[in-house]
Amino acid sequence: MDIKKFFGNWIVKNVLLAIVFVLAFVFLANLLLSAVTQHNKELVVPDFTNMTYDEARQAAAKAGVRVLVTDSVYVKRLRPGAVYLQTPKAGDHVKRGRRIRLTTNTLVPKEVVMPSLVGFSMRQAKAELVRAGLTLGRLIYVRDIATNNVLRQQRGGVDIKAGTRLASGTTINLVVGLSPNDNMTVVPKLTGRQYLHAVDQTLESSLNVGKLHFDETVKTYADSVSAFVYQQRPASSEKVRMGSEITMSLTTDPSKLPVQSSKK
């Protein structure tokens, strides 16, 4: 067969041009789709804690995400308008353009309603408290067959009824069950974590925050919120009884952080 004659045929030429056009269109479409959706590309969520909304918005724009204030609580000593909590948390991986929900500090505490937490698991109760604008304080373990189930809810050592109106940010302690056959937990790794994240991780692990030692770099409450854990006792991975306390040493000096734990 004469190759030149074959490819010189106008029908063959049109078919080949159509194939090239389709391939080019598919390639460009995939390229455009990848650019728009940032396919297989994820960003690390910055830490907006203690920033004002304007500061958080600027930091978010640089990082490729967006921020939105969805709630507010009252936190003593934290400057008004400062970010107290964020979802997703700092260090999480998200797609470009993801909206990060912020909880900021108000000048005057608003009133919220105490939910009914009895019968909930500890983690469910913690989530409900956050949703209601309240703060989980201590986990008080008592002997009961239902490990980590809430038996009572208290404020200042006194039982508090569901429906009670409270100032947002009020600390609520939970009395939870502890079976003699299921009472151990693993100490989480807190070194390198920021204060609020370390507290959250401690409670998630069925433990309590013990003594806090702030070094000379921590002079204000805002500094304490920004501080990182550089030492902890007991050490991570140890098995301890639920409700045990973890002692933390915190600093704002990054040089004190263990190299392997410097990432949050």
Protein backbone atom coordinates (compact mmCIF):
# COMPACT_ATOMS: atom_id res chain seq x y z
CA MET A 1 0.00 0.00 0.00
CA ASP A 2 1.26 3.47 -0.86
CA ILE A 3 1.56 5.19 2.56
CA LYS A 4 1.69 8.68 1.07
CA LYS A 5 -1.38 7.99 -1.02
CA PHE A 6 -3.17 6.52 1.99
CA PHE A 7 -2.49 9.51 4.26
CA GLY A 8 -3.14 11.86 1.39
CA ASN A 9 -6.71 10.65 1.11
CA TRP A 10 -9.04 13.42 2.32
CA ILE A 11 -11.19 10.97 4.32
CA VAL A 12 -8.15 9.64 6.23
CA LYS A 13 -6.95 13.19 6.81
CA ASN A 14 -10.28 14.23 8.30
CA VAL A 15 -10.45 11.13 10.51
CA LEU A 16 -6.92 11.73 11.82
CA LEU A 17 -7.64 15.42 12.42
CA ALA A 18 -10.80 14.45 14.31
CA ILE A 19 -8.82 12.00 16.49
CA VAL A 20 -6.15 14.63 17.22
CA PHE A 21 -8.86 17.18 18.07
CA VAL A 22 -10.61 14.78 20.47
CA LEU A 23 -7.35 13.84 22.20
CA ALA A 24 -6.36 17.49 22.54
CA PHE A 25 -9.81 18.36 23.92
CA VAL A 26 -9.67 15.53 26.51
CA PHE A 27 -6.16 16.55 27.56
CA LEU A 28 -7.08 20.21 27.99
CA ALA A 29 -10.32 19.33 29.81
CA ASN A 30 -8.43 17.15 32.30
CA LEU A 31 -5.82 19.85 32.75
CA LEU A 32 -8.48 22.46 33.40
CA LEU A 33 -10.41 20.18 35.75
CA SER A 34 -7.27 19.45 37.76
CA ALA A 35 -6.51 23.16 38.00
CA VAL A 36 -10.02 23.99 39.18
CA THR A 37 -10.41 21.16 41.67
CA GLN A 38 -6.76 21.04 42.76
CA HIS A 39 -6.86 17.29 42.14
CA ASN A 40 -4.67 15.35 44.62
CA LYS A 41 -3.52 18.64 46.19
CA GLU A 42 -4.31 19.32 49.83
CA LEU A 43 -3.40 22.24 52.06
CA VAL A 44 -2.50 22.29 55.74
CA VAL A 45 -4.97 24.33 57.80
CA PRO A 46 -3.22 27.25 59.54
CA ASP A 47 -3.69 27.98 63.22
CA PHE A 48 -6.03 30.95 63.59
CA THR A 49 -6.22 30.74 67.40
CA ASN A 50 -5.95 34.13 69.14
CA MET A 51 -6.14 36.07 65.83
CA THR A 52 -8.79 38.70 65.13
CA TYR A 53 -11.16 37.94 62.26
CA ASP A 54 -9.29 40.32 59.93
CA GLU A 55 -5.96 38.69 60.82
CA ALA A 56 -7.45 35.23 60.29
CA ARG A 57 -8.96 36.30 56.94
CA GLN A 58 -5.59 37.55 55.70
CA ALA A 59 -3.79 34.41 56.89
CA ALA A 60 -6.48 32.24 55.27
CA ALA A 61 -6.14 34.03 51.93
CA LYS A 62 -2.38 33.41 51.92
CA ALA A 63 -2.95 29.73 52.77
CA GLY A 64 -5.60 29.20 50.09
CA VAL A 65 -8.58 28.65 52.41
CA ARG A 66 -11.51 30.78 53.63
CA VAL A 67 -12.77 31.58 57.13
CA LEU A 68 -16.26 32.14 58.46
CA VAL A 69 -17.33 33.08 62.01
CA THR A 70 -20.15 30.69 62.92
CA ASP A 71 -20.28 31.04 66.71
CA SER A 72 -19.05 33.04 69.67
CA VAL A 73 -18.36 32.27 73.31
CA TYR A 74 -17.15 34.26 76.28
CA VAL A 75 -13.66 33.42 77.50
CA LYS A 76 -12.23 35.42 80.39
CA ARG A 77 -8.88 37.14 79.74
CA LEU A 78 -8.99 36.39 76.01
CA ARG A 79 -9.21 39.60 73.97
CA PRO A 80 -12.63 40.36 72.49
CA GLY A 81 -13.01 39.16 68.92
CA ALA A 82 -10.08 36.74 69.11
CA VAL A 83 -10.51 33.27 67.62
CA TYR A 84 -11.03 30.68 70.36
CA LEU A 85 -11.76 27.53 68.33
CA GLN A 86 -11.70 26.49 64.68
CA THR A 87 -13.06 23.60 62.60
CA PRO A 88 -11.24 21.87 60.93
CA LYS A 89 -8.39 22.09 63.42
CA ALA A 90 -4.96 23.53 62.71
CA GLY A 91 -2.77 20.97 60.98
CA ASP A 92 -5.65 19.14 59.26
CA HIS A 93 -5.41 18.62 55.50
CA VAL A 94 -8.13 20.15 53.32
CA LYS A 95 -8.77 21.05 49.68
CA ARG A 96 -7.98 24.55 48.44
CA GLY A 97 -10.84 26.97 49.07
CA ARG A 98 -12.20 24.99 52.05
CA ARG A 99 -14.17 27.11 54.49
CA ILE A 100 -12.83 27.06 58.06
CA ARG A 101 -15.48 27.74 60.74
CA LEU A 102 -14.35 29.99 63.58
CA THR A 103 -15.63 30.51 67.13
CA THR A 104 -14.64 33.93 68.48
CA ASN A 105 -14.62 35.54 71.89
CA THR A 106 -17.38 38.02 72.72
CA LEU A 107 -17.10 41.10 74.92
CA VAL A 108 -20.09 40.11 77.04
CA PRO A 109 -21.09 36.47 77.62
CA LYS A 110 -24.35 35.45 76.01
CA GLU A 111 -26.77 33.08 77.69
CA VAL A 112 -26.95 29.47 76.56
CA VAL A 113 -29.02 26.51 77.71
CA MET A 114 -27.51 23.53 79.52
CA PRO A 115 -28.21 20.37 77.48
CA SER A 116 -29.13 16.99 78.96
CA LEU A 117 -26.01 14.81 78.76
CA VAL A 118 -26.90 11.94 81.12
CA GLY A 119 -26.63 8.64 79.26
CA PHE A 120 -24.38 10.05 76.54
CA SER A 121 -20.90 8.72 75.91
CA MET A 122 -18.16 11.06 77.07
CA ARG A 123 -17.26 12.01 73.48
CA GLN A 124 -20.90 12.67 72.56
CA ALA A 125 -21.32 14.80 75.69
CA LYS A 126 -18.18 16.79 74.89
CA ALA A 127 -19.45 17.50 71.37
CA GLU A 128 -22.84 18.60 72.76
CA LEU A 129 -21.16 20.97 75.24
CA VAL A 130 -19.13 22.58 72.46
CA ARG A 131 -22.26 22.88 70.32
CA ALA A 132 -24.06 24.58 73.23
CA GLY A 133 -21.19 27.04 73.78
CA LEU A 134 -20.03 25.46 77.03
CA THR A 135 -16.64 24.09 78.09
CA LEU A 136 -15.79 20.62 79.34
CA GLY A 137 -13.79 20.88 82.56
CA ARG A 138 -12.96 17.66 84.40
CA LEU A 139 -13.94 14.03 84.01
CA ILE A 140 -14.90 12.60 87.41
CA TYR A 141 -14.82 8.81 87.25
CA VAL A 142 -16.93 6.69 89.61
CA ARG A 143 -17.44 2.94 89.70
CA ASP A 144 -20.14 1.91 87.25
CA ILE A 145 -20.60 -0.81 84.66
CA ALA A 146 -21.06 1.74 81.85
CA THR A 147 -17.50 2.95 81.26
CA ASN A 148 -17.27 6.50 79.89
CA ASN A 149 -21.05 7.04 79.99
CA VAL A 150 -22.23 10.25 81.61
CA LEU A 151 -23.99 9.69 84.94
CA ARG A 152 -24.28 13.32 86.12
CA GLN A 153 -23.45 16.83 84.94
CA GLN A 154 -22.07 19.39 87.37
CA ARG A 155 -20.99 22.98 87.77
CA GLY A 156 -18.66 23.68 90.67
CA GLY A 157 -19.35 20.28 92.25
CA VAL A 158 -23.13 20.74 92.19
CA ASP A 159 -25.45 18.86 89.84
CA ILE A 160 -26.95 21.09 87.19
CA LYS A 161 -30.27 20.42 85.48
CA ALA A 162 -30.83 20.42 81.75
CA GLY A 163 -32.49 23.66 80.64
CA THR A 164 -30.58 25.82 83.12
CA ARG A 165 -29.47 29.10 81.54
CA LEU A 166 -25.75 29.76 81.78
CA ALA A 167 -23.17 32.20 80.50
CA SER A 168 -21.50 30.84 77.39
CA GLY A 169 -18.10 29.37 78.12
CA THR A 170 -19.18 28.09 81.56
CA THR A 171 -17.12 25.07 82.62
CA ILE A 172 -19.11 21.85 83.09
CA ASN A 173 -17.68 18.77 84.80
CA LEU A 174 -18.96 15.31 83.91
CA VAL A 175 -19.36 12.39 86.30
CA VAL A 176 -18.78 9.29 84.18
CA GLY A 177 -18.77 5.57 84.79
CA LEU A 178 -15.67 3.41 85.16
CA SER A 179 -15.85 -0.37 85.10
CA PRO A 180 -13.16 -2.23 87.09
CA ASN A 181 -12.61 -4.43 84.03
CA ASP A 182 -12.31 -1.62 81.49
CA ASN A 183 -10.53 1.32 83.09
CA MET A 184 -7.23 1.86 81.24
CA THR A 185 -6.32 4.27 78.45
CA VAL A 186 -3.20 5.24 76.51
CA VAL A 187 -1.53 8.61 77.15
CA PRO A 188 -1.56 10.66 73.92
CA LYS A 189 1.47 12.44 72.50
CA LEU A 190 1.06 16.10 73.45
CA THR A 191 4.57 17.49 72.88
CA GLY A 192 4.51 19.93 70.00
CA ARG A 193 0.77 20.56 70.35
CA GLN A 194 -0.67 23.97 71.14
CA TYR A 195 -2.33 24.42 74.52
CA LEU A 196 -5.99 24.21 73.47
CA HIS A 197 -5.33 21.25 71.17
CA ALA A 198 -3.40 19.48 73.95
CA VAL A 199 -6.31 19.99 76.37
CA ASP A 200 -8.76 18.69 73.77
CA GLN A 201 -6.62 15.61 73.07
CA THR A 202 -6.23 14.92 76.80
CA LEU A 203 -10.00 14.89 77.37
CA GLU A 204 -10.57 12.83 74.20
CA SER A 205 -8.27 10.21 75.72
CA SER A 206 -10.40 10.03 78.92
CA LEU A 207 -7.78 11.89 80.94
CA ASN A 208 -7.67 15.17 82.86
CA VAL A 209 -5.38 18.16 82.62
CA GLY A 210 -3.16 18.29 85.70
CA LYS A 211 -0.61 20.94 86.63
CA LEU A 212 0.42 23.41 83.92
CA HIS A 213 3.93 24.83 84.01
CA PHE A 214 4.44 27.91 81.80
CA ASP A 215 8.00 29.05 81.21
CA GLU A 216 9.26 32.64 81.23
CA THR A 217 8.11 33.24 77.63
CA VAL A 218 4.45 33.02 78.67
CA LYS A 219 3.47 36.34 80.24
CA THR A 220 -0.21 36.78 79.30
CA TYR A 221 -3.30 34.66 78.74
CA ALA A 222 -2.90 35.19 75.01
CA ASP A 223 0.63 33.77 75.31
CA SER A 224 -0.74 30.71 77.11
CA VAL A 225 -3.23 30.09 74.31
CA SER A 226 -0.40 30.26 71.77
CA ALA A 227 2.03 28.17 73.84
CA PHE A 228 3.14 24.65 72.88
CA VAL A 229 3.71 21.62 75.10
CA TYR A 230 7.42 20.77 75.30
CA GLN A 231 7.25 18.26 78.16
CA GLN A 232 4.54 15.98 79.54
CA ARG A 233 4.12 13.51 82.39
CA PRO A 234 3.23 10.64 82.07
CA ALA A 235 5.01 10.09 78.76
CA SER A 236 3.04 9.31 75.61
CA SER A 237 2.04 5.69 74.94
CA GLU A 238 1.99 4.81 78.65
CA LYS A 239 -1.11 3.03 79.89
CA VAL A 240 -2.81 4.71 82.84
CA ARG A 241 -6.15 4.61 84.60
CA MET A 242 -8.92 6.71 83.03
CA GLY A 243 -9.31 10.02 84.80
CA SER A 244 -5.58 10.30 85.56
CA GLU A 245 -3.95 13.70 85.21
CA ILE A 246 -1.36 14.79 82.69
CA THR A 247 1.14 17.47 83.72
CA MET A 248 2.28 19.76 80.92
CA SER A 249 5.13 22.24 80.51
CA LEU A 250 4.45 24.93 77.90
CA THR A 251 6.44 27.56 76.04
CA THR A 252 6.21 29.94 73.10
CA ASP A 253 9.90 29.31 72.30
CA PRO A 254 10.02 26.85 69.35
CA SER A 255 13.65 25.93 70.12
CA LYS A 256 12.46 24.06 73.22
CA LEU A 257 10.28 21.70 71.22
CA PRO A 258 11.63 18.23 70.45
CA VAL A 259 12.60 18.10 66.77
CA GLN A 260 10.40 15.09 66.03
CA SER A 261 7.43 16.77 67.76
CA SER A 262 7.67 20.28 66.33
CA LYS A 263 4.74 19.68 63.96
CA LYS A 264 1.30 20.05 65.42
